C-alpha atoms as a PDB file:
ATOM      1  CA  UNK A   1      76.710 -15.735  89.570  1.00  0.00           C
ATOM      2  CA  UNK A   2      73.063 -15.764  90.586  1.00  0.00           C
ATOM      3  CA  UNK A   3      69.969 -14.845  88.602  1.00  0.00           C
ATOM      4  CA  UNK A   4      67.439 -13.394  91.043  1.00  0.00           C
ATOM      5  CA  UNK A   5      63.840 -12.584  90.161  1.00  0.00           C
ATOM      6  CA  UNK A   6      62.473 -11.230  93.444  1.00  0.00           C
ATOM      7  CA  UNK A   7      63.211  -8.372  95.808  1.00  0.00           C
ATOM      8  CA  UNK A   8      63.416 -10.466  98.982  1.00  0.00           C
ATOM      9  CA  UNK A   9      66.214 -12.678  97.665  1.00  0.00           C
ATOM     10  CA  UNK A  10      67.992  -9.680  96.127  1.00  0.00           C
ATOM     11  CA  UNK A  11      68.089  -7.871  99.460  1.00  0.00           C
ATOM     12  CA  UNK A  12      69.317 -11.004 101.237  1.00  0.00           C
ATOM     13  CA  UNK A  13      72.137 -11.481  98.751  1.00  0.00           C
ATOM     14  CA  UNK A  14      73.112  -7.789  98.790  1.00  0.00           C
ATOM     15  CA  UNK A  15      73.312  -7.858 102.593  1.00  0.00           C
ATOM     16  CA  UNK A  16      76.124 -10.419 102.332  1.00  0.00           C
ATOM     17  CA  UNK A  17      78.255  -8.300 100.039  1.00  0.00           C
ATOM     18  CA  UNK A  18      81.521  -6.880 101.323  1.00  0.00           C
ATOM     19  CA  UNK A  19      82.950  -3.769  99.740  1.00  0.00           C
ATOM     20  CA  UNK A  20      81.623  -1.558  96.965  1.00  0.00           C
ATOM     21  CA  UNK A  21      78.653  -2.347  94.738  1.00  0.00           C
ATOM     22  CA  UNK A  22      78.405  -1.362  91.087  1.00  0.00           C
ATOM     23  CA  UNK A  23      75.007  -1.267  89.395  1.00  0.00           C
ATOM     24  CA  UNK A  24      74.375  -1.445  85.658  1.00  0.00           C
ATOM     25  CA  UNK A  25      70.655  -0.854  84.990  1.00  0.00           C
ATOM     26  CA  UNK A  26      69.526  -2.325  81.633  1.00  0.00           C
ATOM     27  CA  UNK A  27      66.449  -3.486  79.790  1.00  0.00           C
ATOM     28  CA  UNK A  28      68.335  -6.522  78.512  1.00  0.00           C
ATOM     29  CA  UNK A  29      69.177  -7.520  74.926  1.00  0.00           C
ATOM     30  CA  UNK A  30      72.736  -6.776  75.963  1.00  0.00           C
ATOM     31  CA  UNK A  31      75.321  -5.774  73.365  1.00  0.00           C
ATOM     32  CA  UNK A  32      78.933  -4.582  73.417  1.00  0.00           C
ATOM     33  CA  UNK A  33      77.812  -1.153  74.601  1.00  0.00           C
ATOM     34  CA  UNK A  34      76.301  -2.706  77.716  1.00  0.00           C
ATOM     35  CA  UNK A  35      79.366  -4.908  78.099  1.00  0.00           C
ATOM     36  CA  UNK A  36      81.579  -1.824  78.210  1.00  0.00           C
ATOM     37  CA  UNK A  37      79.522  -0.561  81.167  1.00  0.00           C
ATOM     38  CA  UNK A  38      79.665  -3.951  82.880  1.00  0.00           C
ATOM     39  CA  UNK A  39      83.405  -4.319  82.341  1.00  0.00           C
ATOM     40  CA  UNK A  40      84.042  -0.912  83.855  1.00  0.00           C
ATOM     41  CA  UNK A  41      81.757  -1.670  86.807  1.00  0.00           C
ATOM     42  CA  UNK A  42      83.574  -4.973  87.444  1.00  0.00           C
ATOM     43  CA  UNK A  43      86.938  -3.186  87.280  1.00  0.00           C
ATOM     44  CA  UNK A  44      85.908  -0.453  89.724  1.00  0.00           C
ATOM     45  CA  UNK A  45      83.831  -2.388  92.279  1.00  0.00           C
ATOM     46  CA  UNK A  46      84.003  -5.434  94.537  1.00  0.00           C
ATOM     47  CA  UNK A  47      80.526  -6.592  93.520  1.00  0.00           C
ATOM     48  CA  UNK A  48      78.425  -5.893  90.428  1.00  0.00           C
ATOM     49  CA  UNK A  49      74.669  -6.165  89.917  1.00  0.00           C
ATOM     50  CA  UNK A  50      73.134  -5.956  86.450  1.00  0.00           C
ATOM     51  CA  UNK A  51      69.397  -5.415  86.284  1.00  0.00           C
ATOM     52  CA  UNK A  52      67.532  -6.829  83.283  1.00  0.00           C
ATOM     53  CA  UNK A  53      64.035  -5.353  83.310  1.00  0.00           C
ATOM     54  CA  UNK A  54      61.913  -4.064  80.441  1.00  0.00           C
ATOM     55  CA  UNK A  55      60.302  -1.247  82.383  1.00  0.00           C
ATOM     56  CA  UNK A  56      56.685  -0.755  81.258  1.00  0.00           C
ATOM     57  CA  UNK A  57      56.195   2.627  82.909  1.00  0.00           C
ATOM     58  CA  UNK A  58      58.725   4.309  80.609  1.00  0.00           C
ATOM     59  CA  UNK A  59      56.910   3.174  77.454  1.00  0.00           C
ATOM     60  CA  UNK A  60      54.068   5.234  76.006  1.00  0.00           C
ATOM     61  CA  UNK A  61      51.010   4.115  74.079  1.00  0.00           C
ATOM     62  CA  UNK A  62      51.933   2.631  70.710  1.00  0.00           C
ATOM     63  CA  UNK A  63      55.611   2.175  71.593  1.00  0.00           C
ATOM     64  CA  UNK A  64      57.518  -1.097  71.337  1.00  0.00           C
ATOM     65  CA  UNK A  65      57.009  -2.541  74.841  1.00  0.00           C
ATOM     66  CA  UNK A  66      55.631  -5.867  73.615  1.00  0.00           C
ATOM     67  CA  UNK A  67      58.244  -6.449  70.919  1.00  0.00           C
ATOM     68  CA  UNK A  68      61.263  -5.114  72.796  1.00  0.00           C
ATOM     69  CA  UNK A  69      63.896  -7.896  72.517  1.00  0.00           C
ATOM     70  CA  UNK A  70      64.131 -10.233  75.489  1.00  0.00           C
ATOM     71  CA  UNK A  71      66.961 -12.794  75.794  1.00  0.00           C
ATOM     72  CA  UNK A  72      67.630 -13.416  79.479  1.00  0.00           C
ATOM     73  CA  UNK A  73      69.764 -16.552  79.177  1.00  0.00           C
ATOM     74  CA  UNK A  74      72.062 -14.954  76.610  1.00  0.00           C
ATOM     75  CA  UNK A  75      72.283 -11.807  78.744  1.00  0.00           C
ATOM     76  CA  UNK A  76      73.047 -13.846  81.853  1.00  0.00           C
ATOM     77  CA  UNK A  77      75.848 -15.685  80.055  1.00  0.00           C
ATOM     78  CA  UNK A  78      77.450 -12.388  79.030  1.00  0.00           C
ATOM     79  CA  UNK A  79      77.201 -11.135  82.615  1.00  0.00           C
ATOM     80  CA  UNK A  80      78.654 -14.302  84.128  1.00  0.00           C
ATOM     81  CA  UNK A  81      81.611 -14.244  81.754  1.00  0.00           C
ATOM     82  CA  UNK A  82      82.227 -10.601  82.668  1.00  0.00           C
ATOM     83  CA  UNK A  83      82.374 -11.290  86.417  1.00  0.00           C
ATOM     84  CA  UNK A  84      78.944 -10.047  87.525  1.00  0.00           C
ATOM     85  CA  UNK A  85      77.702 -11.333  90.911  1.00  0.00           C
ATOM     86  CA  UNK A  86      73.940 -10.900  90.394  1.00  0.00           C
ATOM     87  CA  UNK A  87      71.589 -10.518  87.463  1.00  0.00           C
ATOM     88  CA  UNK A  88      68.363  -9.076  88.835  1.00  0.00           C
ATOM     89  CA  UNK A  89      65.558  -9.969  86.410  1.00  0.00           C
ATOM     90  CA  UNK A  90      62.205  -9.364  88.108  1.00  0.00           C
ATOM     91  CA  UNK A  91      58.724  -9.649  86.669  1.00  0.00           C
ATOM     92  CA  UNK A  92      56.629  -6.508  86.359  1.00  0.00           C
ATOM     93  CA  UNK A  93      54.400  -7.642  89.243  1.00  0.00           C
ATOM     94  CA  UNK A  94      57.471  -7.881  91.483  1.00  0.00           C
ATOM     95  CA  UNK A  95      58.587  -4.327  90.758  1.00  0.00           C
ATOM     96  CA  UNK A  96      55.147  -2.717  90.687  1.00  0.00           C
ATOM     97  CA  UNK A  97      52.489  -4.170  92.939  1.00  0.00           C
ATOM     98  CA  UNK A  98      49.963  -1.542  91.867  1.00  0.00           C
ATOM     99  CA  UNK A  99      48.636  -0.418  88.505  1.00  0.00           C
ATOM    100  CA  UNK A 100      50.570   2.119  86.471  1.00  0.00           C
ATOM    101  CA  UNK A 101      48.198   5.036  87.127  1.00  0.00           C
ATOM    102  CA  UNK A 102      48.385   4.531  90.904  1.00  0.00           C
ATOM    103  CA  UNK A 103      52.151   4.401  91.398  1.00  0.00           C
ATOM    104  CA  UNK A 104      54.276   6.960  93.184  1.00  0.00           C
ATOM    105  CA  UNK A 105      56.551   8.359  90.490  1.00  0.00           C
ATOM    106  CA  UNK A 106      59.603  10.603  90.475  1.00  0.00           C
ATOM    107  CA  UNK A 107      58.882  13.436  88.061  1.00  0.00           C
ATOM    108  CA  UNK A 108      61.889  15.358  86.698  1.00  0.00           C
ATOM    109  CA  UNK A 109      61.561  19.142  86.287  1.00  0.00           C
ATOM    110  CA  UNK A 110      59.589  20.424  83.335  1.00  0.00           C
ATOM    111  CA  UNK A 111      62.563  22.243  81.824  1.00  0.00           C
ATOM    112  CA  UNK A 112      64.611  19.035  81.741  1.00  0.00           C
ATOM    113  CA  UNK A 113      62.009  16.816  80.082  1.00  0.00           C
ATOM    114  CA  UNK A 114      59.913  19.069  77.842  1.00  0.00           C
ATOM    115  CA  UNK A 115      62.360  18.798  74.925  1.00  0.00           C
ATOM    116  CA  UNK A 116      64.219  16.226  72.870  1.00  0.00           C
ATOM    117  CA  UNK A 117      63.075  12.691  73.755  1.00  0.00           C
ATOM    118  CA  UNK A 118      60.827  13.902  76.562  1.00  0.00           C
ATOM    119  CA  UNK A 119      58.851  16.112  74.185  1.00  0.00           C
ATOM    120  CA  UNK A 120      57.815  13.235  71.936  1.00  0.00           C
ATOM    121  CA  UNK A 121      57.588  10.664  74.747  1.00  0.00           C
ATOM    122  CA  UNK A 122      55.522  12.264  77.545  1.00  0.00           C
ATOM    123  CA  UNK A 123      55.950  10.466  80.837  1.00  0.00           C
ATOM    124  CA  UNK A 124      58.999   8.543  79.626  1.00  0.00           C
ATOM    125  CA  UNK A 125      61.450  10.122  82.035  1.00  0.00           C
ATOM    126  CA  UNK A 126      59.021   9.809  84.948  1.00  0.00           C
ATOM    127  CA  UNK A 127      59.201   6.069  84.349  1.00  0.00           C
ATOM    128  CA  UNK A 128      62.966   6.065  83.915  1.00  0.00           C
ATOM    129  CA  UNK A 129      63.670   8.032  87.088  1.00  0.00           C
ATOM    130  CA  UNK A 130      61.210   5.993  89.129  1.00  0.00           C
ATOM    131  CA  UNK A 131      62.663   2.605  88.187  1.00  0.00           C
ATOM    132  CA  UNK A 132      66.247   3.832  88.524  1.00  0.00           C
ATOM    133  CA  UNK A 133      65.553   5.259  91.987  1.00  0.00           C
ATOM    134  CA  UNK A 134      63.971   1.951  92.980  1.00  0.00           C
ATOM    135  CA  UNK A 135      67.033   0.048  91.762  1.00  0.00           C
ATOM    136  CA  UNK A 136      69.333   2.416  93.665  1.00  0.00           C
ATOM    137  CA  UNK A 137      67.386   1.696  96.850  1.00  0.00           C
ATOM    138  CA  UNK A 138      67.231  -2.067  96.323  1.00  0.00           C
ATOM    139  CA  UNK A 139      70.901  -2.586  95.502  1.00  0.00           C
ATOM    140  CA  UNK A 140      72.462  -0.003  97.843  1.00  0.00           C
ATOM    141  CA  UNK A 141      74.890   0.608  94.998  1.00  0.00           C
ATOM    142  CA  UNK A 142      78.055   2.638  95.456  1.00  0.00           C
ATOM    143  CA  UNK A 143      78.183   3.536  91.763  1.00  0.00           C
ATOM    144  CA  UNK A 144      75.810   3.238  88.818  1.00  0.00           C
ATOM    145  CA  UNK A 145      76.902   3.126  85.183  1.00  0.00           C
ATOM    146  CA  UNK A 146      75.066   4.758  82.279  1.00  0.00           C
ATOM    147  CA  UNK A 147      75.941   5.163  78.612  1.00  0.00           C
ATOM    148  CA  UNK A 148      76.341   8.610  77.105  1.00  0.00           C
ATOM    149  CA  UNK A 149      74.264   7.656  74.053  1.00  0.00           C
ATOM    150  CA  UNK A 150      71.192   8.406  76.189  1.00  0.00           C
ATOM    151  CA  UNK A 151      72.510  11.874  76.945  1.00  0.00           C
ATOM    152  CA  UNK A 152      69.257  13.439  78.132  1.00  0.00           C
ATOM    153  CA  UNK A 153      68.580  10.448  80.374  1.00  0.00           C
ATOM    154  CA  UNK A 154      72.069  10.711  81.850  1.00  0.00           C
ATOM    155  CA  UNK A 155      71.637  14.442  82.513  1.00  0.00           C
ATOM    156  CA  UNK A 156      68.260  13.872  84.219  1.00  0.00           C
ATOM    157  CA  UNK A 157      69.505  10.994  86.385  1.00  0.00           C
ATOM    158  CA  UNK A 158      72.535  13.001  87.505  1.00  0.00           C
ATOM    159  CA  UNK A 159      70.199  15.885  88.383  1.00  0.00           C
ATOM    160  CA  UNK A 160      67.868  13.556  90.306  1.00  0.00           C
ATOM    161  CA  UNK A 161      70.786  12.178  92.309  1.00  0.00           C
ATOM    162  CA  UNK A 162      72.035  15.677  93.118  1.00  0.00           C
ATOM    163  CA  UNK A 163      68.638  17.192  93.911  1.00  0.00           C
ATOM    164  CA  UNK A 164      67.391  14.275  96.045  1.00  0.00           C
ATOM    165  CA  UNK A 165      70.732  13.589  97.757  1.00  0.00           C
ATOM    166  CA  UNK A 166      71.104   9.983  96.670  1.00  0.00           C
ATOM    167  CA  UNK A 167      74.295   8.549  98.150  1.00  0.00           C
ATOM    168  CA  UNK A 168      75.576   7.127  94.873  1.00  0.00           C
ATOM    169  CA  UNK A 169      78.113   8.060  92.189  1.00  0.00           C
ATOM    170  CA  UNK A 170      76.859   8.234  88.602  1.00  0.00           C
ATOM    171  CA  UNK A 171      79.522   7.087  86.136  1.00  0.00           C
ATOM    172  CA  UNK A 172      79.021   8.193  82.503  1.00  0.00           C
ATOM    173  CA  UNK A 173      80.490   5.827  79.914  1.00  0.00           C
ATOM    174  CA  UNK A 174      81.365   6.601  76.273  1.00  0.00           C
ATOM    175  CA  UNK A 175      79.185   5.654  73.312  1.00  0.00           C
ATOM    176  CA  UNK A 176      80.232   2.349  71.751  1.00  0.00           C
ATOM    177  CA  UNK A 177      79.933   2.117  67.973  1.00  0.00           C
ATOM    178  CA  UNK A 178      80.165  -0.514  65.294  1.00  0.00           C
ATOM    179  CA  UNK A 179      83.289  -0.288  63.125  1.00  0.00           C
ATOM    180  CA  UNK A 180      81.258   1.676  60.551  1.00  0.00           C
ATOM    181  CA  UNK A 181      80.127   4.241  63.145  1.00  0.00           C
ATOM    182  CA  UNK A 182      76.584   3.086  63.961  1.00  0.00           C
ATOM    183  CA  UNK A 183      75.890   3.560  67.669  1.00  0.00           C
ATOM    184  CA  UNK A 184      75.081   0.264  69.358  1.00  0.00           C
ATOM    185  CA  UNK A 185      71.460  -0.096  70.437  1.00  0.00           C
ATOM    186  CA  UNK A 186      69.184  -2.984  71.356  1.00  0.00           C
ATOM    187  CA  UNK A 187      66.725  -1.589  68.820  1.00  0.00           C
ATOM    188  CA  UNK A 188      69.230  -2.146  65.997  1.00  0.00           C
ATOM    189  CA  UNK A 189      67.828  -5.691  65.951  1.00  0.00           C
ATOM    190  CA  UNK A 190      64.681  -4.285  64.332  1.00  0.00           C
ATOM    191  CA  UNK A 191      66.512  -2.913  61.288  1.00  0.00           C
ATOM    192  CA  UNK A 192      66.296  -4.481  57.855  1.00  0.00           C
ATOM    193  CA  UNK A 193      69.509  -4.785  55.843  1.00  0.00           C
ATOM    194  CA  UNK A 194      68.498  -1.731  53.805  1.00  0.00           C
ATOM    195  CA  UNK A 195      67.645   0.280  56.920  1.00  0.00           C
ATOM    196  CA  UNK A 196      70.952  -0.635  58.536  1.00  0.00           C
ATOM    197  CA  UNK A 197      72.725   1.204  55.719  1.00  0.00           C
ATOM    198  CA  UNK A 198      70.351   4.164  55.959  1.00  0.00           C
ATOM    199  CA  UNK A 199      70.797   4.322  59.751  1.00  0.00           C
ATOM    200  CA  UNK A 200      74.521   4.877  59.229  1.00  0.00           C
ATOM    201  CA  UNK A 201      73.654   8.347  57.997  1.00  0.00           C
ATOM    202  CA  UNK A 202      72.900   9.379  61.581  1.00  0.00           C
ATOM    203  CA  UNK A 203      76.484   8.966  62.761  1.00  0.00           C
ATOM    204  CA  UNK A 204      77.815  10.183  59.403  1.00  0.00           C
ATOM    205  CA  UNK A 205      75.809  13.389  59.852  1.00  0.00           C
ATOM    206  CA  UNK A 206      77.114  13.917  63.356  1.00  0.00           C
ATOM    207  CA  UNK A 207      80.768  13.349  62.466  1.00  0.00           C
ATOM    208  CA  UNK A 208      80.451  15.486  59.328  1.00  0.00           C
ATOM    209  CA  UNK A 209      78.879  18.305  61.324  1.00  0.00           C
ATOM    210  CA  UNK A 210      81.610  18.108  63.957  1.00  0.00           C
ATOM    211  CA  UNK A 211      84.193  18.383  61.170  1.00  0.00           C
ATOM    212  CA  UNK A 212      82.348  21.425  59.822  1.00  0.00           C
ATOM    213  CA  UNK A 213      82.376  22.984  63.294  1.00  0.00           C
ATOM    214  CA  UNK A 214      86.092  22.197  63.674  1.00  0.00           C
ATOM    215  CA  UNK A 215      86.714  23.999  60.374  1.00  0.00           C
ATOM    216  CA  UNK A 216      85.291  27.185  61.908  1.00  0.00           C
ATOM    217  CA  UNK A 217      81.525  27.059  61.205  1.00  0.00           C
ATOM    218  CA  UNK A 218      79.625  27.978  64.397  1.00  0.00           C
ATOM    219  CA  UNK A 219      76.209  28.958  62.981  1.00  0.00           C
ATOM    220  CA  UNK A 220      73.659  26.420  64.218  1.00  0.00           C
ATOM    221  CA  UNK A 221      71.363  26.827  61.215  1.00  0.00           C
ATOM    222  CA  UNK A 222      74.207  25.960  58.850  1.00  0.00           C
ATOM    223  CA  UNK A 223      75.294  23.012  60.985  1.00  0.00           C
ATOM    224  CA  UNK A 224      71.700  21.745  61.216  1.00  0.00           C
ATOM    225  CA  UNK A 225      71.246  21.938  57.455  1.00  0.00           C
ATOM    226  CA  UNK A 226      74.369  19.824  57.030  1.00  0.00           C
ATOM    227  CA  UNK A 227      72.872  17.146  59.288  1.00  0.00           C
ATOM    228  CA  UNK A 228      69.514  17.258  57.516  1.00  0.00           C
ATOM    229  CA  UNK A 229      71.054  16.827  54.088  1.00  0.00           C
ATOM    230  CA  UNK A 230      72.940  13.696  55.115  1.00  0.00           C
ATOM    231  CA  UNK A 231      69.928  12.269  56.976  1.00  0.00           C
ATOM    232  CA  UNK A 232      67.377  12.957  54.217  1.00  0.00           C
ATOM    233  CA  UNK A 233      66.428   9.262  53.881  1.00  0.00           C
ATOM    234  CA  UNK A 234      65.358   9.173  57.528  1.00  0.00           C
ATOM    235  CA  UNK A 235      62.311  10.637  59.248  1.00  0.00           C
ATOM    236  CA  UNK A 236      64.094  13.153  61.486  1.00  0.00           C
ATOM    237  CA  UNK A 237      62.366  13.817  64.805  1.00  0.00           C
ATOM    238  CA  UNK A 238      64.866  16.379  66.033  1.00  0.00           C
ATOM    239  CA  UNK A 239      68.346  17.763  65.530  1.00  0.00           C
ATOM    240  CA  UNK A 240      69.162  19.965  68.499  1.00  0.00           C
ATOM    241  CA  UNK A 241      72.212  21.736  69.870  1.00  0.00           C
ATOM    242  CA  UNK A 242      72.476  22.014  73.650  1.00  0.00           C
ATOM    243  CA  UNK A 243      74.900  23.173  76.291  1.00  0.00           C
ATOM    244  CA  UNK A 244      76.121  19.842  77.622  1.00  0.00           C
ATOM    245  CA  UNK A 245      76.417  21.143  81.194  1.00  0.00           C
ATOM    246  CA  UNK A 246      72.974  22.764  81.572  1.00  0.00           C
ATOM    247  CA  UNK A 247      71.200  20.994  78.666  1.00  0.00           C
ATOM    248  CA  UNK A 248      69.695  24.310  77.614  1.00  0.00           C
ATOM    249  CA  UNK A 249      68.943  24.297  73.896  1.00  0.00           C
ATOM    250  CA  UNK A 250      70.973  26.694  71.745  1.00  0.00           C
ATOM    251  CA  UNK A 251      69.615  28.653  68.790  1.00  0.00           C
ATOM    252  CA  UNK A 252      72.419  30.752  67.346  1.00  0.00           C
ATOM    253  CA  UNK A 253      76.015  29.607  67.714  1.00  0.00           C
ATOM    254  CA  UNK A 254      77.687  26.399  68.842  1.00  0.00           C
ATOM    255  CA  UNK A 255      80.854  26.320  70.963  1.00  0.00           C
ATOM    256  CA  UNK A 256      83.169  23.786  72.582  1.00  0.00           C
ATOM    257  CA  UNK A 257      80.591  23.015  75.303  1.00  0.00           C
ATOM    258  CA  UNK A 258      77.911  22.089  72.771  1.00  0.00           C
ATOM    259  CA  UNK A 259      76.430  18.643  72.229  1.00  0.00           C
ATOM    260  CA  UNK A 260      74.469  17.765  69.076  1.00  0.00           C
ATOM    261  CA  UNK A 261      71.545  15.416  69.737  1.00  0.00           C
ATOM    262  CA  UNK A 262      69.595  13.557  67.073  1.00  0.00           C
ATOM    263  CA  UNK A 263      66.540  11.289  66.960  1.00  0.00           C
ATOM    264  CA  UNK A 264      65.243   9.772  63.747  1.00  0.00           C
ATOM    265  CA  UNK A 265      63.085   6.907  62.497  1.00  0.00           C
ATOM    266  CA  UNK A 266      63.886   4.440  59.752  1.00  0.00           C
ATOM    267  CA  UNK A 267      61.602   4.258  56.674  1.00  0.00           C
ATOM    268  CA  UNK A 268      60.435   0.612  56.801  1.00  0.00           C
ATOM    269  CA  UNK A 269      60.246  -0.584  60.407  1.00  0.00           C
ATOM    270  CA  UNK A 270      59.830   2.922  61.885  1.00  0.00           C
ATOM    271  CA  UNK A 271      62.604   2.144  64.342  1.00  0.00           C
ATOM    272  CA  UNK A 272      63.490   5.123  66.507  1.00  0.00           C
ATOM    273  CA  UNK A 273      67.230   5.667  66.925  1.00  0.00           C
ATOM    274  CA  UNK A 274      69.100   8.314  68.902  1.00  0.00           C
ATOM    275  CA  UNK A 275      72.703   9.478  68.838  1.00  0.00           C
ATOM    276  CA  UNK A 276      74.822  12.457  69.841  1.00  0.00           C
ATOM    277  CA  UNK A 277      78.285  13.944  69.615  1.00  0.00           C
ATOM    278  CA  UNK A 278      80.202  16.512  71.648  1.00  0.00           C
ATOM    279  CA  UNK A 279      81.783  19.432  69.818  1.00  0.00           C
END
């Protein structure tokens, strides 16, 4: 396995590949959720590239860009053991030769981003789509693997690929959870022991609400109140119900095509966590 930090060497190495290429875009601090993506990519492709890049243009003012966990050697070891061919870990100056306000960006449609995470993080998905498109171009990947925990991101990337005719297959991968139900996230490293227990209420709320739906309750207000009650120790940013095919937000009744999406912050470290569940 090679760790490559520049575009020239990446392109040279990619040009020698035979067969299919799987891409797993990450910001590093890899955990078992990332490993599930990598393992699937290795199983389904002849060559796998994992990018490790904390992308500054998807962070807003006051967000955790500077403290986002970085552990390249540990990440590289995980990738090597999994059978990855290349870890692409460029510096910011290698990816973006110009300043942030002078870059060409890919801007998703207003209807797709002006809600959920995009509503509270303006410009976030512009940064996500732009770096992902750049990685698609650099790696010439056959398939790219994304976790379903970032459901809005996955929807937007799939739309970008369809609308702009990228010649790549997007492979959604299931959420990976701890044994107690907490969705794996690199930001879980921020949590205090007390917050870790409080954060469990996010997944508990989602599973409880799904059980309520399965028992016959379809009213979104009732289902939302159930979530809110269980998550009362958290600072809830949103609890939304959406059609998982169109991502249009629902107001009245949920059905079997509904996804519940949640974002909340913990009380001490103000760590922002997201999660979702399909009904």
